[in-house]
Amino acid sequence: MAAQSRKRPNTAKKRHPGGNPQKAKSGAPQAATPATARDWIAAARLRTLPLAITPVLIGTGAATLVDDQLHWVIALACLAVAFALQIGVNYANDYSDGIRGTDDVRVGPGRLTGGKKAKPRTVLIVALSFFALAAVIGLALVIRTGQWWLLLVGAVCIVAAWFYTGGKRPYGYNAMGEIFVFVFFGLVATLGTTWLQVLSLPQEAWFGAVAAGLLACAVLLANNLRDIDQDRLAGKRTLSVLIGRRATQVLFSVFVLAPFAIAAFLALVYPVAWLEGIPLLGGLAAILIVWTYRAPRELITALQVTSFTSVAYGAVLFGAFAV
């Protein structure tokens, strides 16, 4: 009877409550080192800022085709908005991924929230502060140009930036990140820059917007390819997770090369665009890394090279239009 009254040990496996299954399950949690200024700068992910520069360069160059005068104040304000939104979304991603547990194990640079270096609320406040800064500068642009309907566009941009990884159903977790990046970092950023300067959208602006969007998508693909294993385990269904490594490598190559096909077409009218052959070397190097990498960390280099290829592409196209 005594034997029967003993409690049998529970051998059932406990389910992981959520977040990244790679997170350590044993041992007392170690106190994280408080974030330094360097950590906050790293969390801003400054290496992604070239993606904000590219559409402003192309959009400004396209504007000179309508008006020879360079509207540099408006161009710089557009750049400031792009920077603020980019940094804001980077901090917002840090916050949202961190509280979900997606960043418990990282291949890339460490995070503030996931690494418990800063309170989630503090990271959220910083992210919202940059969104607010973008809104204030955007409002000034609207007042300056009288294009009040652009207030709605700006609001949509901020909402899209937040729901990339924020909210209950973030679209970045459901293979839609590339679509939104193409729309907002390509079409909206480039065409918005041109429109604010000359209230017109020449076809060159459209070609350039598509190119900028594709290069931005390539950067996102390199990032998601690096994190494919971690994202799959964490339940983050990025496009790379859905289509796999090989298809991601193919798609990355298409996203990098297609803008240079567009440049070759534009070079028939704007000969300076043939100089896009120089940034193409960087794009080819990134493609080579993506196809031959052995460790996920190598893709950080591919991401960086693609980002700088993007801004070099934008600079050459600006010169082609403005000269």
Protein backbone atom coordinates (compact mmCIF):
# COMPACT_ATOMS: atom_id res chain seq x y z
CA MET A 1 0.00 0.00 0.00
CA ALA A 2 2.81 2.36 0.88
CA ALA A 3 4.37 1.71 -2.48
CA GLN A 4 1.09 2.44 -4.19
CA SER A 5 0.70 5.72 -2.29
CA ARG A 6 3.96 7.07 -3.53
CA LYS A 7 3.78 9.75 -6.13
CA ARG A 8 5.20 8.73 -9.43
CA PRO A 9 7.74 11.13 -10.91
CA ASN A 10 6.32 13.23 -13.72
CA THR A 11 8.21 12.21 -16.82
CA ALA A 12 6.11 14.27 -19.24
CA LYS A 13 8.05 16.78 -21.21
CA LYS A 14 7.32 20.38 -20.46
CA ARG A 15 6.52 22.57 -23.39
CA HIS A 16 8.56 25.67 -23.91
CA PRO A 17 6.33 28.65 -23.08
CA GLY A 18 7.40 30.62 -26.11
CA GLY A 19 10.25 32.61 -27.55
CA ASN A 20 13.40 31.06 -28.88
CA PRO A 21 13.73 27.34 -28.07
CA GLN A 22 17.51 27.75 -28.09
CA LYS A 23 17.37 29.78 -24.90
CA ALA A 24 19.27 28.21 -22.02
CA LYS A 25 16.97 26.32 -19.64
CA SER A 26 19.25 25.65 -16.72
CA GLY A 27 21.26 27.60 -14.23
CA ALA A 28 20.49 30.82 -12.47
CA PRO A 29 20.02 33.83 -14.74
CA GLN A 30 23.08 36.01 -14.89
CA ALA A 31 22.79 39.73 -14.39
CA ALA A 32 23.36 41.52 -17.69
CA THR A 33 25.78 44.40 -17.95
CA PRO A 34 23.89 47.72 -18.30
CA ALA A 35 23.95 49.15 -21.81
CA THR A 36 26.72 51.59 -22.64
CA ALA A 37 26.59 54.39 -25.18
CA ARG A 38 28.30 52.02 -27.59
CA ASP A 39 25.52 49.46 -27.09
CA TRP A 40 22.85 52.06 -27.86
CA ILE A 41 24.69 53.14 -31.01
CA ALA A 42 25.06 49.51 -32.07
CA ALA A 43 21.33 48.95 -31.50
CA ALA A 44 20.58 51.82 -33.88
CA ARG A 45 22.21 49.60 -36.54
CA LEU A 46 23.90 52.42 -38.38
CA ARG A 47 25.02 50.01 -41.10
CA THR A 48 21.42 50.07 -42.37
CA LEU A 49 21.38 53.86 -42.85
CA PRO A 50 22.71 53.70 -46.43
CA LEU A 51 19.29 52.30 -47.31
CA ALA A 52 17.80 55.61 -46.20
CA ILE A 53 20.28 57.62 -48.27
CA THR A 54 19.75 55.78 -51.57
CA PRO A 55 16.11 56.79 -52.27
CA VAL A 56 16.81 60.43 -51.33
CA LEU A 57 19.75 60.57 -53.76
CA ILE A 58 17.75 59.02 -56.59
CA GLY A 59 14.62 61.06 -55.85
CA THR A 60 16.60 64.31 -55.74
CA GLY A 61 18.40 63.44 -58.97
CA ALA A 62 15.07 62.75 -60.67
CA ALA A 63 13.75 66.10 -59.41
CA THR A 64 16.57 67.94 -61.21
CA LEU A 65 15.15 66.62 -64.48
CA VAL A 66 12.07 68.74 -63.86
CA ASP A 67 13.74 71.73 -62.21
CA ASP A 68 17.46 72.49 -62.63
CA GLN A 69 17.53 74.19 -59.25
CA LEU A 70 18.61 71.86 -56.45
CA HIS A 71 16.14 72.04 -53.57
CA TRP A 72 18.77 71.01 -51.03
CA VAL A 73 16.86 72.07 -47.90
CA ILE A 74 13.91 69.85 -48.80
CA ALA A 75 16.30 67.06 -49.81
CA LEU A 76 18.11 67.21 -46.47
CA ALA A 77 14.80 67.26 -44.61
CA CYS A 78 13.71 64.15 -46.53
CA LEU A 79 16.99 62.52 -45.55
CA ALA A 80 16.42 63.43 -41.90
CA VAL A 81 12.96 61.85 -42.00
CA ALA A 82 14.40 58.72 -43.59
CA PHE A 83 17.16 58.50 -40.96
CA ALA A 84 14.74 58.99 -38.07
CA LEU A 85 12.35 56.34 -39.39
CA GLN A 86 15.18 53.88 -40.04
CA ILE A 87 16.66 54.27 -36.56
CA GLY A 88 13.19 54.22 -35.03
CA VAL A 89 12.27 50.94 -36.69
CA ASN A 90 15.60 49.42 -35.62
CA TYR A 91 14.91 50.24 -31.97
CA ALA A 92 11.29 49.11 -32.37
CA ASN A 93 12.53 45.77 -33.74
CA ASP A 94 14.92 45.49 -30.80
CA TYR A 95 12.01 46.01 -28.40
CA SER A 96 9.44 43.77 -30.12
CA ASP A 97 11.81 40.88 -30.90
CA GLY A 98 13.25 41.13 -27.41
CA ILE A 99 9.97 40.82 -25.52
CA ARG A 100 8.94 37.91 -27.76
CA GLY A 101 12.15 36.01 -27.05
CA THR A 102 13.19 35.93 -30.72
CA ASP A 103 16.55 37.48 -29.83
CA ASP A 104 17.38 35.14 -26.94
CA VAL A 105 20.11 33.62 -29.12
CA ARG A 106 21.63 35.88 -31.76
CA VAL A 107 23.98 35.29 -34.65
CA GLY A 108 24.32 38.98 -35.46
CA PRO A 109 25.07 41.95 -33.20
CA GLY A 110 23.61 41.78 -29.71
CA ARG A 111 20.39 43.53 -28.80
CA LEU A 112 19.42 45.75 -25.89
CA THR A 113 16.13 44.10 -24.97
CA GLY A 114 17.00 40.51 -25.81
CA GLY A 115 20.37 40.86 -24.08
CA LYS A 116 18.68 42.46 -21.03
CA LYS A 117 21.05 45.40 -21.26
CA ALA A 118 18.22 47.92 -21.10
CA LYS A 119 14.64 47.91 -19.85
CA PRO A 120 12.13 47.16 -22.62
CA ARG A 121 10.18 50.31 -21.74
CA THR A 122 13.30 52.43 -22.21
CA VAL A 123 13.99 50.93 -25.63
CA LEU A 124 10.34 51.49 -26.59
CA ILE A 125 10.50 55.15 -25.53
CA VAL A 126 13.64 55.69 -27.64
CA ALA A 127 11.97 54.06 -30.66
CA LEU A 128 8.85 56.23 -30.28
CA SER A 129 11.04 59.31 -29.87
CA PHE A 130 12.62 58.74 -33.27
CA PHE A 131 9.20 58.15 -34.81
CA ALA A 132 8.07 61.45 -33.26
CA LEU A 133 11.15 63.22 -34.66
CA ALA A 134 10.34 61.88 -38.12
CA ALA A 135 6.75 63.10 -37.71
CA VAL A 136 7.85 66.62 -36.71
CA ILE A 137 10.26 66.99 -39.63
CA GLY A 138 7.66 65.51 -41.97
CA LEU A 139 5.09 68.02 -40.73
CA ALA A 140 7.52 70.85 -41.44
CA LEU A 141 7.93 69.52 -45.00
CA VAL A 142 4.17 69.38 -45.46
CA ILE A 143 3.76 72.96 -44.22
CA ARG A 144 6.62 74.11 -46.47
CA THR A 145 5.19 72.47 -49.59
CA GLY A 146 1.48 72.68 -48.82
CA GLN A 147 1.00 68.98 -49.62
CA TRP A 148 -1.29 68.20 -46.71
CA TRP A 149 -2.33 64.81 -48.06
CA LEU A 150 1.21 63.62 -47.33
CA LEU A 151 0.33 63.65 -43.61
CA LEU A 152 -1.60 60.45 -44.27
CA VAL A 153 1.38 58.94 -46.09
CA GLY A 154 3.64 59.80 -43.16
CA ALA A 155 1.22 58.25 -40.68
CA VAL A 156 1.09 55.05 -42.75
CA CYS A 157 4.91 54.95 -42.83
CA ILE A 158 5.13 55.12 -39.03
CA VAL A 159 2.40 52.51 -38.57
CA ALA A 160 4.15 50.20 -41.05
CA ALA A 161 7.47 50.72 -39.25
CA TRP A 162 5.93 49.69 -35.93
CA PHE A 163 4.00 46.64 -37.15
CA TYR A 164 7.02 45.17 -38.93
CA THR A 165 7.76 43.28 -35.71
CA GLY A 166 5.30 44.96 -33.33
CA GLY A 167 1.71 44.17 -32.47
CA LYS A 168 -0.01 40.80 -32.19
CA ARG A 169 0.43 39.89 -35.85
CA PRO A 170 3.62 41.54 -37.14
CA TYR A 171 3.93 41.22 -40.90
CA GLY A 172 7.69 40.70 -40.61
CA TYR A 173 6.87 37.35 -38.96
CA ASN A 174 4.67 36.30 -41.87
CA ALA A 175 6.91 36.54 -44.96
CA MET A 176 5.71 40.03 -45.90
CA GLY A 177 8.77 42.01 -44.87
CA GLU A 178 10.20 42.25 -48.38
CA ILE A 179 6.93 43.60 -49.79
CA PHE A 180 6.74 46.42 -47.27
CA VAL A 181 10.45 47.20 -47.56
CA PHE A 182 10.08 47.49 -51.34
CA VAL A 183 7.08 49.79 -50.99
CA PHE A 184 8.39 52.08 -48.25
CA PHE A 185 12.17 52.05 -48.76
CA GLY A 186 11.78 52.06 -52.51
CA LEU A 187 8.60 53.57 -53.92
CA VAL A 188 7.43 55.84 -51.10
CA ALA A 189 10.86 57.17 -50.10
CA THR A 190 12.07 57.86 -53.65
CA LEU A 191 8.86 59.17 -55.17
CA GLY A 192 8.08 61.18 -52.04
CA THR A 193 11.47 62.89 -52.24
CA THR A 194 10.91 63.82 -55.89
CA TRP A 195 7.35 64.99 -55.37
CA LEU A 196 8.17 67.22 -52.41
CA GLN A 197 10.80 69.04 -54.47
CA VAL A 198 9.05 69.54 -57.82
CA LEU A 199 5.44 68.31 -57.38
CA SER A 200 5.97 65.99 -60.31
CA LEU A 201 6.99 62.37 -60.89
CA PRO A 202 9.03 61.81 -64.06
CA GLN A 203 9.36 58.22 -65.23
CA GLU A 204 13.02 58.22 -64.19
CA ALA A 205 11.88 58.55 -60.56
CA TRP A 206 9.79 55.40 -60.96
CA PHE A 207 12.69 53.43 -62.43
CA GLY A 208 14.95 54.61 -59.62
CA ALA A 209 12.33 53.83 -56.97
CA VAL A 210 12.07 50.23 -58.15
CA ALA A 211 15.87 49.89 -58.11
CA ALA A 212 16.15 51.34 -54.58
CA GLY A 213 13.41 49.04 -53.35
CA LEU A 214 15.03 45.92 -54.80
CA LEU A 215 18.39 46.71 -53.21
CA ALA A 216 16.70 47.30 -49.85
CA CYS A 217 14.97 43.92 -50.20
CA ALA A 218 18.34 42.31 -50.93
CA VAL A 219 19.71 43.64 -47.65
CA LEU A 220 16.72 42.23 -45.78
CA LEU A 221 17.17 38.86 -47.49
CA ALA A 222 20.83 38.71 -46.45
CA ASN A 223 19.78 39.47 -42.88
CA ASN A 224 17.04 36.82 -42.87
CA LEU A 225 19.28 34.22 -44.50
CA ARG A 226 21.77 34.77 -41.68
CA ASP A 227 19.03 34.22 -39.08
CA ILE A 228 17.13 31.47 -40.90
CA ASP A 229 17.78 28.70 -38.35
CA GLN A 230 17.09 30.91 -35.35
CA ASP A 231 13.92 32.32 -36.94
CA ARG A 232 12.63 28.88 -37.87
CA LEU A 233 12.99 27.65 -34.28
CA ALA A 234 11.50 30.85 -32.85
CA GLY A 235 8.44 30.61 -35.11
CA LYS A 236 9.35 33.70 -37.13
CA ARG A 237 8.12 32.88 -40.65
CA THR A 238 10.28 35.14 -42.79
CA LEU A 239 10.37 34.69 -46.55
CA SER A 240 13.72 32.90 -46.19
CA VAL A 241 12.21 30.44 -43.71
CA LEU A 242 9.38 29.70 -46.14
CA ILE A 243 11.36 29.25 -49.34
CA GLY A 244 14.62 27.89 -47.89
CA ARG A 245 18.30 28.72 -48.35
CA ARG A 246 18.75 27.94 -52.03
CA ALA A 247 15.72 29.92 -53.20
CA THR A 248 16.79 32.81 -50.95
CA GLN A 249 20.23 32.83 -52.57
CA VAL A 250 18.64 32.92 -56.03
CA LEU A 251 16.22 35.67 -55.06
CA PHE A 252 19.01 37.70 -53.45
CA SER A 253 20.98 37.54 -56.71
CA VAL A 254 17.95 38.72 -58.68
CA PHE A 255 17.31 41.61 -56.28
CA VAL A 256 20.93 42.76 -56.57
CA LEU A 257 21.31 42.39 -60.34
CA ALA A 258 17.92 43.73 -61.48
CA PRO A 259 18.72 47.37 -60.47
CA PHE A 260 21.81 47.26 -62.67
CA ALA A 261 19.69 46.06 -65.59
CA ILE A 262 17.51 49.13 -64.96
CA ALA A 263 20.66 51.30 -64.89
CA ALA A 264 21.79 49.83 -68.22
CA PHE A 265 18.43 50.79 -69.73
CA LEU A 266 18.65 54.33 -68.33
CA ALA A 267 22.23 54.61 -69.62
CA LEU A 268 20.85 54.62 -73.16
CA VAL A 269 19.60 58.14 -72.40
CA TYR A 270 21.85 59.13 -69.51
CA PRO A 271 25.40 57.92 -70.37
CA VAL A 272 26.78 58.63 -66.87
CA ALA A 273 24.63 55.72 -65.69
CA TRP A 274 27.18 53.36 -67.28
CA LEU A 275 29.33 54.14 -64.25
CA GLU A 276 26.97 51.86 -62.31
CA GLY A 277 29.45 49.20 -63.36
CA ILE A 278 31.56 50.31 -60.38
CA PRO A 279 28.91 49.64 -57.68
CA LEU A 280 28.10 46.43 -59.55
CA LEU A 281 31.45 45.06 -58.38
CA GLY A 282 30.25 45.40 -54.81
CA GLY A 283 26.98 43.71 -55.69
CA LEU A 284 28.80 40.79 -57.28
CA ALA A 285 31.00 40.45 -54.19
CA ALA A 286 27.88 40.28 -52.01
CA ILE A 287 26.36 37.63 -54.26
CA LEU A 288 29.56 35.59 -54.05
CA ILE A 289 29.47 35.72 -50.24
CA VAL A 290 25.81 34.69 -50.13
CA TRP A 291 26.48 31.66 -52.35
CA THR A 292 29.69 30.51 -50.70
CA TYR A 293 29.31 31.37 -47.00
CA ARG A 294 30.11 28.68 -44.45
CA ALA A 295 29.08 30.41 -41.23
CA PRO A 296 26.04 32.69 -40.76
CA ARG A 297 28.27 35.50 -39.45
CA GLU A 298 29.81 35.84 -42.92
CA LEU A 299 26.45 37.12 -44.13
CA ILE A 300 26.90 40.22 -41.97
CA THR A 301 29.61 41.21 -44.44
CA ALA A 302 27.25 40.51 -47.35
CA LEU A 303 24.64 42.74 -45.68
CA GLN A 304 27.13 45.57 -45.23
CA VAL A 305 28.49 45.30 -48.78
CA THR A 306 24.96 45.32 -50.21
CA SER A 307 24.05 48.40 -48.15
CA PHE A 308 27.04 50.36 -49.46
CA THR A 309 26.42 49.07 -52.97
CA SER A 310 22.95 50.56 -52.65
CA VAL A 311 24.16 54.04 -51.68
CA ALA A 312 26.86 53.96 -54.38
CA TYR A 313 24.17 53.02 -56.89
CA GLY A 314 22.06 55.97 -55.73
CA ALA A 315 25.00 58.36 -55.98
CA VAL A 316 25.77 57.34 -59.57
CA LEU A 317 22.13 57.62 -60.60
CA PHE A 318 21.93 61.06 -58.98
CA GLY A 319 24.93 62.10 -61.04
CA ALA A 320 23.43 60.64 -64.20
CA PHE A 321 20.24 62.65 -63.77
CA ALA A 322 21.78 65.87 -62.44
CA VAL A 323 24.70 66.25 -64.87
